[in-house]
Amino acid sequence: MLETGIKAPAFSLQDKDGRIVSLEDFRGKKVVLYFYPKDSTPGCTKQACAFAASWDAFRRQDVTVIGISKDSTASHQKFAEKNGLPFLLLSDPQLQAIQSYDVWKEKKLYGKVSMGVVRTTYIIDENGMIVWAREKVKPDTNAAEVLGWLTSSSR
């Protein structure tokens, strides 16, 4: 996981509609960047739906929400449509952003070791600096935790 106080690594990835989206596109805005393992799995669906349920609160604070996984654009499109997700989902099958944000890690499940995305969330400020970072976030409370931090830091 990257530390706070450093410049967020640049990326350019396709969204669910095949458009190229770059971090630089959001210069001057706060960005919530969350990395998740896989579309349509229980935890990832819970996390995405929590961000969707808080969408109006994020918009009122002029915050962009972006979810990134290594799933395909087609998978993202189905995931977004099925769950009514109003925010950006970016596809990173080459692990460009996933590795540069240090979320591709060794994971153990039932004694089996494999590589995968560790559920991690970053808040990036208007100048492109990481101001908040958490790994191994809980899917059902991540959106509320982020909103709480954004609300308290904007006072």
N, C-alpha and C. Protein backbone atom coordinates (compact mmCIF):
# COMPACT_ATOMS: atom_id res chain seq x y z
N MET A 1 0.85 -1.19 0.00
CA MET A 1 0.00 0.00 0.00
C MET A 1 0.88 1.24 0.00
N LEU A 2 0.47 2.23 -0.76
CA LEU A 2 1.21 3.49 -0.80
C LEU A 2 0.86 4.31 0.44
N GLU A 3 1.79 5.15 0.84
CA GLU A 3 1.61 6.00 2.01
C GLU A 3 0.95 7.33 1.65
N THR A 4 0.38 7.99 2.64
CA THR A 4 -0.16 9.33 2.42
C THR A 4 1.00 10.31 2.24
N GLY A 5 0.70 11.44 1.61
CA GLY A 5 1.71 12.48 1.44
C GLY A 5 2.55 12.34 0.19
N ILE A 6 2.26 11.32 -0.64
CA ILE A 6 3.01 11.18 -1.89
C ILE A 6 2.09 11.42 -3.08
N LYS A 7 2.70 11.71 -4.21
CA LYS A 7 1.92 11.93 -5.44
C LYS A 7 1.32 10.61 -5.89
N ALA A 8 0.04 10.65 -6.23
CA ALA A 8 -0.66 9.45 -6.71
C ALA A 8 -0.12 9.07 -8.09
N PRO A 9 0.20 7.79 -8.29
CA PRO A 9 0.69 7.36 -9.61
C PRO A 9 -0.35 7.61 -10.71
N ALA A 10 0.13 8.07 -11.85
CA ALA A 10 -0.75 8.32 -12.99
C ALA A 10 -1.21 6.99 -13.58
N PHE A 11 -2.38 7.00 -14.20
CA PHE A 11 -2.85 5.83 -14.93
C PHE A 11 -3.80 6.28 -16.03
N SER A 12 -3.94 5.45 -17.03
CA SER A 12 -4.93 5.62 -18.10
C SER A 12 -5.50 4.24 -18.38
N LEU A 13 -6.79 4.06 -18.08
CA LEU A 13 -7.45 2.76 -18.20
C LEU A 13 -8.80 2.93 -18.88
N GLN A 14 -9.35 1.83 -19.40
CA GLN A 14 -10.66 1.88 -20.03
C GLN A 14 -11.77 1.76 -19.00
N ASP A 15 -12.84 2.55 -19.21
CA ASP A 15 -14.02 2.41 -18.37
C ASP A 15 -14.92 1.32 -18.95
N LYS A 16 -16.07 1.12 -18.36
CA LYS A 16 -16.97 0.04 -18.79
C LYS A 16 -17.46 0.22 -20.23
N ASP A 17 -17.38 1.44 -20.76
CA ASP A 17 -17.81 1.72 -22.13
C ASP A 17 -16.64 1.77 -23.11
N GLY A 18 -15.44 1.46 -22.65
CA GLY A 18 -14.28 1.44 -23.53
C GLY A 18 -13.57 2.78 -23.68
N ARG A 19 -14.05 3.82 -22.98
CA ARG A 19 -13.39 5.13 -23.04
C ARG A 19 -12.16 5.12 -22.14
N ILE A 20 -11.11 5.81 -22.58
CA ILE A 20 -9.88 5.92 -21.78
C ILE A 20 -10.09 7.01 -20.71
N VAL A 21 -9.83 6.65 -19.47
CA VAL A 21 -9.95 7.58 -18.34
C VAL A 21 -8.58 7.64 -17.67
N SER A 22 -8.11 8.86 -17.43
CA SER A 22 -6.82 9.06 -16.76
C SER A 22 -7.04 9.77 -15.44
N LEU A 23 -6.16 9.52 -14.48
CA LEU A 23 -6.25 10.23 -13.21
C LEU A 23 -6.15 11.73 -13.45
N GLU A 24 -5.33 12.12 -14.40
CA GLU A 24 -5.11 13.54 -14.71
C GLU A 24 -6.42 14.25 -15.10
N ASP A 25 -7.40 13.48 -15.61
CA ASP A 25 -8.70 14.06 -16.00
C ASP A 25 -9.41 14.71 -14.81
N PHE A 26 -9.01 14.34 -13.60
CA PHE A 26 -9.72 14.81 -12.39
C PHE A 26 -8.89 15.79 -11.58
N ARG A 27 -7.87 16.35 -12.19
CA ARG A 27 -7.05 17.36 -11.52
C ARG A 27 -7.97 18.49 -11.05
N GLY A 28 -7.81 18.93 -9.82
CA GLY A 28 -8.67 19.98 -9.28
C GLY A 28 -9.87 19.44 -8.52
N LYS A 29 -10.04 18.10 -8.49
CA LYS A 29 -11.13 17.46 -7.75
C LYS A 29 -10.55 16.40 -6.83
N LYS A 30 -11.28 16.12 -5.77
CA LYS A 30 -10.90 14.98 -4.92
C LYS A 30 -11.38 13.70 -5.61
N VAL A 31 -10.59 12.66 -5.45
CA VAL A 31 -10.92 11.36 -6.04
C VAL A 31 -10.84 10.28 -4.97
N VAL A 32 -11.88 9.47 -4.88
CA VAL A 32 -11.84 8.26 -4.07
C VAL A 32 -11.54 7.13 -5.05
N LEU A 33 -10.41 6.50 -4.85
CA LEU A 33 -9.95 5.43 -5.73
C LEU A 33 -9.95 4.14 -4.92
N TYR A 34 -10.85 3.22 -5.29
CA TYR A 34 -10.87 1.97 -4.53
C TYR A 34 -10.59 0.79 -5.46
N PHE A 35 -9.74 -0.09 -4.97
CA PHE A 35 -9.35 -1.29 -5.69
C PHE A 35 -10.07 -2.47 -5.06
N TYR A 36 -10.63 -3.33 -5.91
CA TYR A 36 -11.37 -4.48 -5.41
C TYR A 36 -11.04 -5.72 -6.24
N PRO A 37 -11.22 -6.91 -5.65
CA PRO A 37 -10.79 -8.13 -6.32
C PRO A 37 -11.57 -8.53 -7.58
N LYS A 38 -12.91 -8.57 -7.53
CA LYS A 38 -13.63 -9.15 -8.66
C LYS A 38 -15.09 -8.72 -8.70
N ASP A 39 -15.54 -8.34 -9.90
CA ASP A 39 -16.94 -7.99 -10.11
C ASP A 39 -17.87 -9.13 -9.68
N SER A 40 -19.03 -8.75 -9.20
CA SER A 40 -20.14 -9.67 -8.91
C SER A 40 -19.87 -10.73 -7.85
N THR A 41 -18.84 -10.55 -7.05
CA THR A 41 -18.64 -11.43 -5.90
C THR A 41 -19.35 -10.76 -4.70
N PRO A 42 -19.69 -11.53 -3.68
CA PRO A 42 -20.48 -10.94 -2.59
C PRO A 42 -19.86 -9.69 -1.95
N GLY A 43 -18.59 -9.75 -1.56
CA GLY A 43 -17.96 -8.60 -0.91
C GLY A 43 -17.84 -7.40 -1.84
N CYS A 44 -17.46 -7.65 -3.08
CA CYS A 44 -17.27 -6.55 -4.02
C CYS A 44 -18.61 -5.91 -4.39
N THR A 45 -19.65 -6.72 -4.47
CA THR A 45 -20.99 -6.18 -4.74
C THR A 45 -21.45 -5.32 -3.57
N LYS A 46 -21.22 -5.82 -2.35
CA LYS A 46 -21.60 -5.08 -1.14
C LYS A 46 -20.88 -3.72 -1.10
N GLN A 47 -19.57 -3.73 -1.41
CA GLN A 47 -18.78 -2.50 -1.39
C GLN A 47 -19.27 -1.52 -2.46
N ALA A 48 -19.46 -2.00 -3.68
CA ALA A 48 -19.91 -1.13 -4.76
C ALA A 48 -21.29 -0.55 -4.48
N CYS A 49 -22.18 -1.36 -3.96
CA CYS A 49 -23.53 -0.88 -3.65
C CYS A 49 -23.53 0.14 -2.52
N ALA A 50 -22.60 0.01 -1.57
CA ALA A 50 -22.47 1.00 -0.50
C ALA A 50 -22.00 2.34 -1.07
N PHE A 51 -21.06 2.31 -2.01
CA PHE A 51 -20.64 3.55 -2.65
C PHE A 51 -21.79 4.14 -3.47
N ALA A 52 -22.55 3.29 -4.14
CA ALA A 52 -23.69 3.77 -4.93
C ALA A 52 -24.75 4.40 -4.03
N ALA A 53 -25.00 3.79 -2.88
CA ALA A 53 -26.00 4.32 -1.94
C ALA A 53 -25.60 5.68 -1.39
N SER A 54 -24.30 5.94 -1.35
CA SER A 54 -23.79 7.23 -0.85
C SER A 54 -23.44 8.20 -1.98
N TRP A 55 -23.82 7.86 -3.19
CA TRP A 55 -23.44 8.64 -4.38
C TRP A 55 -23.80 10.12 -4.25
N ASP A 56 -25.00 10.42 -3.79
CA ASP A 56 -25.41 11.83 -3.66
C ASP A 56 -24.52 12.59 -2.69
N ALA A 57 -24.14 11.95 -1.60
CA ALA A 57 -23.26 12.60 -0.62
C ALA A 57 -21.88 12.88 -1.24
N PHE A 58 -21.37 11.94 -2.02
CA PHE A 58 -20.08 12.17 -2.68
C PHE A 58 -20.20 13.31 -3.70
N ARG A 59 -21.28 13.34 -4.44
CA ARG A 59 -21.48 14.40 -5.44
C ARG A 59 -21.61 15.77 -4.78
N ARG A 60 -22.31 15.84 -3.65
CA ARG A 60 -22.44 17.12 -2.94
C ARG A 60 -21.07 17.66 -2.53
N GLN A 61 -20.13 16.77 -2.27
CA GLN A 61 -18.78 17.21 -1.90
C GLN A 61 -17.87 17.33 -3.12
N ASP A 62 -18.44 17.16 -4.33
CA ASP A 62 -17.70 17.25 -5.58
C ASP A 62 -16.52 16.26 -5.61
N VAL A 63 -16.82 15.02 -5.19
CA VAL A 63 -15.81 13.97 -5.13
C VAL A 63 -16.12 12.93 -6.21
N THR A 64 -15.11 12.54 -6.96
CA THR A 64 -15.24 11.50 -7.97
C THR A 64 -14.91 10.16 -7.33
N VAL A 65 -15.74 9.16 -7.59
CA VAL A 65 -15.50 7.81 -7.09
C VAL A 65 -15.12 6.93 -8.27
N ILE A 66 -14.02 6.19 -8.12
CA ILE A 66 -13.55 5.29 -9.17
C ILE A 66 -13.22 3.93 -8.54
N GLY A 67 -13.78 2.88 -9.09
CA GLY A 67 -13.45 1.52 -8.69
C GLY A 67 -12.58 0.89 -9.76
N ILE A 68 -11.54 0.17 -9.34
CA ILE A 68 -10.63 -0.50 -10.28
C ILE A 68 -10.46 -1.96 -9.90
N SER A 69 -10.60 -2.83 -10.90
CA SER A 69 -10.26 -4.25 -10.74
C SER A 69 -9.66 -4.72 -12.06
N LYS A 70 -9.20 -5.97 -12.09
CA LYS A 70 -8.62 -6.47 -13.32
C LYS A 70 -9.66 -7.09 -14.25
N ASP A 71 -10.92 -6.98 -13.89
CA ASP A 71 -12.00 -7.50 -14.74
C ASP A 71 -12.07 -6.74 -16.07
N SER A 72 -12.67 -7.37 -17.06
CA SER A 72 -12.81 -6.78 -18.38
C SER A 72 -13.84 -5.64 -18.39
N THR A 73 -13.82 -4.85 -19.45
CA THR A 73 -14.82 -3.78 -19.59
C THR A 73 -16.22 -4.38 -19.68
N ALA A 74 -16.36 -5.52 -20.37
CA ALA A 74 -17.67 -6.18 -20.48
C ALA A 74 -18.18 -6.62 -19.11
N SER A 75 -17.29 -7.15 -18.28
CA SER A 75 -17.67 -7.55 -16.93
C SER A 75 -18.11 -6.34 -16.12
N HIS A 76 -17.36 -5.26 -16.24
CA HIS A 76 -17.72 -4.02 -15.53
C HIS A 76 -19.09 -3.50 -15.98
N GLN A 77 -19.34 -3.59 -17.28
CA GLN A 77 -20.62 -3.09 -17.79
C GLN A 77 -21.78 -3.88 -17.18
N LYS A 78 -21.67 -5.20 -17.15
CA LYS A 78 -22.73 -6.04 -16.55
C LYS A 78 -22.88 -5.74 -15.06
N PHE A 79 -21.75 -5.63 -14.37
CA PHE A 79 -21.74 -5.36 -12.93
C PHE A 79 -22.43 -4.03 -12.63
N ALA A 80 -22.08 -2.99 -13.38
CA ALA A 80 -22.66 -1.66 -13.17
C ALA A 80 -24.15 -1.65 -13.48
N GLU A 81 -24.55 -2.29 -14.57
CA GLU A 81 -25.96 -2.31 -14.95
C GLU A 81 -26.79 -3.09 -13.93
N LYS A 82 -26.31 -4.25 -13.54
CA LYS A 82 -27.04 -5.10 -12.60
C LYS A 82 -27.25 -4.42 -11.25
N ASN A 83 -26.26 -3.63 -10.81
CA ASN A 83 -26.31 -3.03 -9.47
C ASN A 83 -26.59 -1.53 -9.47
N GLY A 84 -26.84 -0.94 -10.64
CA GLY A 84 -27.14 0.50 -10.73
C GLY A 84 -26.00 1.36 -10.21
N LEU A 85 -24.78 1.04 -10.63
CA LEU A 85 -23.60 1.78 -10.14
C LEU A 85 -23.40 3.05 -10.96
N PRO A 86 -23.47 4.22 -10.32
CA PRO A 86 -23.38 5.48 -11.05
C PRO A 86 -21.96 6.02 -11.23
N PHE A 87 -20.97 5.38 -10.63
CA PHE A 87 -19.60 5.88 -10.67
C PHE A 87 -18.76 5.08 -11.67
N LEU A 88 -17.54 5.54 -11.88
CA LEU A 88 -16.64 4.91 -12.85
C LEU A 88 -16.09 3.58 -12.35
N LEU A 89 -16.08 2.59 -13.24
CA LEU A 89 -15.38 1.34 -13.01
C LEU A 89 -14.33 1.24 -14.10
N LEU A 90 -13.09 1.06 -13.72
CA LEU A 90 -12.01 0.98 -14.70
C LEU A 90 -11.43 -0.42 -14.72
N SER A 91 -11.09 -0.86 -15.93
CA SER A 91 -10.56 -2.19 -16.16
C SER A 91 -9.04 -2.14 -16.24
N ASP A 92 -8.39 -3.00 -15.45
CA ASP A 92 -6.93 -3.01 -15.39
C ASP A 92 -6.39 -4.44 -15.54
N PRO A 93 -6.66 -5.09 -16.70
CA PRO A 93 -6.22 -6.48 -16.87
C PRO A 93 -4.69 -6.63 -16.91
N GLN A 94 -3.98 -5.58 -17.28
CA GLN A 94 -2.52 -5.62 -17.32
C GLN A 94 -1.89 -5.24 -15.98
N LEU A 95 -2.73 -4.95 -14.99
CA LEU A 95 -2.30 -4.61 -13.63
C LEU A 95 -1.47 -3.33 -13.56
N GLN A 96 -1.66 -2.40 -14.48
CA GLN A 96 -0.91 -1.14 -14.51
C GLN A 96 -1.11 -0.36 -13.22
N ALA A 97 -2.34 0.01 -12.94
CA ALA A 97 -2.62 0.79 -11.72
C ALA A 97 -2.56 -0.10 -10.48
N ILE A 98 -3.04 -1.32 -10.61
CA ILE A 98 -3.06 -2.24 -9.47
C ILE A 98 -1.66 -2.41 -8.89
N GLN A 99 -0.66 -2.56 -9.74
CA GLN A 99 0.71 -2.72 -9.24
C GLN A 99 1.31 -1.38 -8.81
N SER A 100 1.04 -0.31 -9.55
CA SER A 100 1.64 0.97 -9.17
C SER A 100 1.07 1.51 -7.85
N TYR A 101 -0.15 1.08 -7.49
CA TYR A 101 -0.72 1.46 -6.19
C TYR A 101 -0.46 0.40 -5.12
N ASP A 102 0.36 -0.58 -5.46
CA ASP A 102 0.83 -1.60 -4.51
C ASP A 102 -0.31 -2.35 -3.83
N VAL A 103 -1.29 -2.80 -4.63
CA VAL A 103 -2.40 -3.57 -4.07
C VAL A 103 -2.42 -5.01 -4.59
N TRP A 104 -1.45 -5.39 -5.41
CA TRP A 104 -1.32 -6.76 -5.92
C TRP A 104 -0.41 -7.51 -4.96
N LYS A 105 -1.00 -8.40 -4.18
CA LYS A 105 -0.26 -9.04 -3.08
C LYS A 105 -0.53 -10.54 -3.04
N GLU A 106 0.33 -11.20 -2.28
CA GLU A 106 0.11 -12.62 -2.01
C GLU A 106 -1.04 -12.74 -1.02
N LYS A 107 -1.97 -13.64 -1.33
CA LYS A 107 -3.13 -13.86 -0.46
C LYS A 107 -3.22 -15.34 -0.13
N LYS A 108 -3.73 -15.62 1.05
CA LYS A 108 -3.93 -17.01 1.46
C LYS A 108 -5.41 -17.23 1.74
N LEU A 109 -5.94 -18.31 1.17
CA LEU A 109 -7.33 -18.67 1.39
C LEU A 109 -7.40 -20.18 1.54
N TYR A 110 -7.85 -20.63 2.69
CA TYR A 110 -7.94 -22.07 2.98
C TYR A 110 -6.61 -22.78 2.73
N GLY A 111 -5.51 -22.13 3.09
CA GLY A 111 -4.19 -22.72 2.94
C GLY A 111 -3.59 -22.59 1.55
N LYS A 112 -4.36 -22.11 0.60
CA LYS A 112 -3.88 -21.94 -0.77
C LYS A 112 -3.33 -20.52 -0.93
N VAL A 113 -2.13 -20.41 -1.51
CA VAL A 113 -1.50 -19.12 -1.72
C VAL A 113 -1.65 -18.71 -3.19
N SER A 114 -2.09 -17.47 -3.41
CA SER A 114 -2.21 -16.95 -4.77
C SER A 114 -2.00 -15.44 -4.74
N MET A 115 -1.84 -14.87 -5.91
CA MET A 115 -1.71 -13.42 -6.01
C MET A 115 -3.08 -12.83 -6.32
N GLY A 116 -3.35 -11.66 -5.75
CA GLY A 116 -4.63 -11.02 -6.01
C GLY A 116 -4.65 -9.60 -5.48
N VAL A 117 -5.75 -8.93 -5.75
CA VAL A 117 -5.94 -7.55 -5.30
C VAL A 117 -6.38 -7.55 -3.85
N VAL A 118 -5.67 -6.78 -3.03
CA VAL A 118 -6.08 -6.57 -1.65
C VAL A 118 -6.99 -5.34 -1.65
N ARG A 119 -8.18 -5.49 -1.12
CA ARG A 119 -9.18 -4.41 -1.13
C ARG A 119 -8.60 -3.18 -0.42
N THR A 120 -8.35 -2.12 -1.19
CA THR A 120 -7.64 -0.94 -0.70
C THR A 120 -8.32 0.31 -1.23
N THR A 121 -8.38 1.35 -0.42
CA THR A 121 -8.99 2.62 -0.83
C THR A 121 -8.04 3.78 -0.56
N TYR A 122 -7.97 4.68 -1.53
CA TYR A 122 -7.16 5.90 -1.43
C TYR A 122 -8.06 7.11 -1.66
N ILE A 123 -7.75 8.20 -0.98
CA ILE A 123 -8.35 9.48 -1.32
C ILE A 123 -7.21 10.34 -1.85
N ILE A 124 -7.45 10.91 -3.01
CA ILE A 124 -6.45 11.74 -3.69
C ILE A 124 -6.99 13.17 -3.72
N ASP A 125 -6.18 14.12 -3.31
CA ASP A 125 -6.66 15.51 -3.25
C ASP A 125 -6.61 16.19 -4.62
N GLU A 126 -7.02 17.45 -4.64
CA GLU A 126 -7.11 18.23 -5.88
C GLU A 126 -5.77 18.40 -6.59
N ASN A 127 -4.68 18.24 -5.86
CA ASN A 127 -3.33 18.39 -6.45
C ASN A 127 -2.69 17.05 -6.80
N GLY A 128 -3.46 15.97 -6.70
CA GLY A 128 -2.94 14.67 -7.07
C GLY A 128 -2.12 13.97 -5.98
N MET A 129 -2.27 14.42 -4.73
CA MET A 129 -1.54 13.82 -3.61
C MET A 129 -2.45 12.84 -2.85
N ILE A 130 -1.87 11.74 -2.40
CA ILE A 130 -2.63 10.79 -1.58
C ILE A 130 -2.74 11.36 -0.17
N VAL A 131 -3.98 11.57 0.28
CA VAL A 131 -4.20 12.16 1.60
C VAL A 131 -4.80 11.17 2.60
N TRP A 132 -5.23 10.02 2.10
CA TRP A 132 -5.83 9.00 2.97
C TRP A 132 -5.64 7.66 2.29
N ALA A 133 -5.27 6.64 3.05
CA ALA A 133 -5.04 5.31 2.47
C ALA A 133 -5.36 4.24 3.51
N ARG A 134 -6.11 3.22 3.07
CA ARG A 134 -6.43 2.09 3.96
C ARG A 134 -6.44 0.82 3.12
N GLU A 135 -5.82 -0.24 3.66
CA GLU A 135 -5.91 -1.53 2.97
C GLU A 135 -6.73 -2.49 3.83
N LYS A 136 -7.15 -3.56 3.18
CA LYS A 136 -8.00 -4.56 3.83
C LYS A 136 -9.25 -3.91 4.41
N VAL A 137 -9.84 -2.99 3.64
CA VAL A 137 -11.06 -2.31 4.09
C VAL A 137 -12.23 -3.29 4.09
N LYS A 138 -13.21 -3.00 4.91
CA LYS A 138 -14.41 -3.83 4.99
C LYS A 138 -15.41 -3.36 3.93
N PRO A 139 -15.91 -4.28 3.12
CA PRO A 139 -16.80 -3.91 2.02
C PRO A 139 -18.03 -3.11 2.44
N ASP A 140 -18.64 -3.49 3.57
CA ASP A 140 -19.90 -2.86 3.95
C ASP A 140 -19.73 -1.52 4.67
N THR A 141 -18.53 -1.21 5.16
CA THR A 141 -18.34 0.06 5.88
C THR A 141 -17.36 1.02 5.18
N ASN A 142 -16.74 0.59 4.10
CA ASN A 142 -15.72 1.40 3.43
C ASN A 142 -16.26 2.75 2.96
N ALA A 143 -17.40 2.76 2.28
CA ALA A 143 -17.95 4.01 1.77
C ALA A 143 -18.26 4.99 2.90
N ALA A 144 -18.85 4.50 3.99
CA ALA A 144 -19.19 5.36 5.13
C ALA A 144 -17.92 5.89 5.79
N GLU A 145 -16.89 5.06 5.90
CA GLU A 145 -15.62 5.48 6.49
C GLU A 145 -14.99 6.61 5.65
N VAL A 146 -15.01 6.45 4.34
CA VAL A 146 -14.46 7.46 3.43
C VAL A 146 -15.26 8.76 3.54
N LEU A 147 -16.58 8.64 3.51
CA LEU A 147 -17.43 9.83 3.63
C LEU A 147 -17.21 10.55 4.96
N GLY A 148 -17.06 9.79 6.01
CA GLY A 148 -16.80 10.38 7.32
C GLY A 148 -15.52 11.17 7.32
N TRP A 149 -14.47 10.62 6.71
CA TRP A 149 -13.20 11.33 6.64
C TRP A 149 -13.33 12.58 5.79
N LEU A 150 -13.98 12.46 4.63
CA LEU A 150 -14.14 13.63 3.75
C LEU A 150 -14.94 14.73 4.44
N THR A 151 -15.98 14.36 5.16
CA THR A 151 -16.81 15.33 5.85
C THR A 151 -16.03 16.03 6.96
N SER A 152 -15.28 15.27 7.74
CA SER A 152 -14.54 15.88 8.85
C SER A 152 -13.35 16.70 8.36
N SER A 153 -12.77 16.34 7.23
CA SER A 153 -11.61 17.07 6.73
C SER A 153 -11.99 18.35 5.98
N SER A 154 -13.26 18.46 5.59
CA SER A 154 -13.67 19.65 4.82
C SER A 154 -14.15 20.79 5.71
N ARG A 155 -14.13 20.59 7.02
CA ARG A 155 -14.58 21.65 7.93
C ARG A 155 -13.52 22.67 8.14
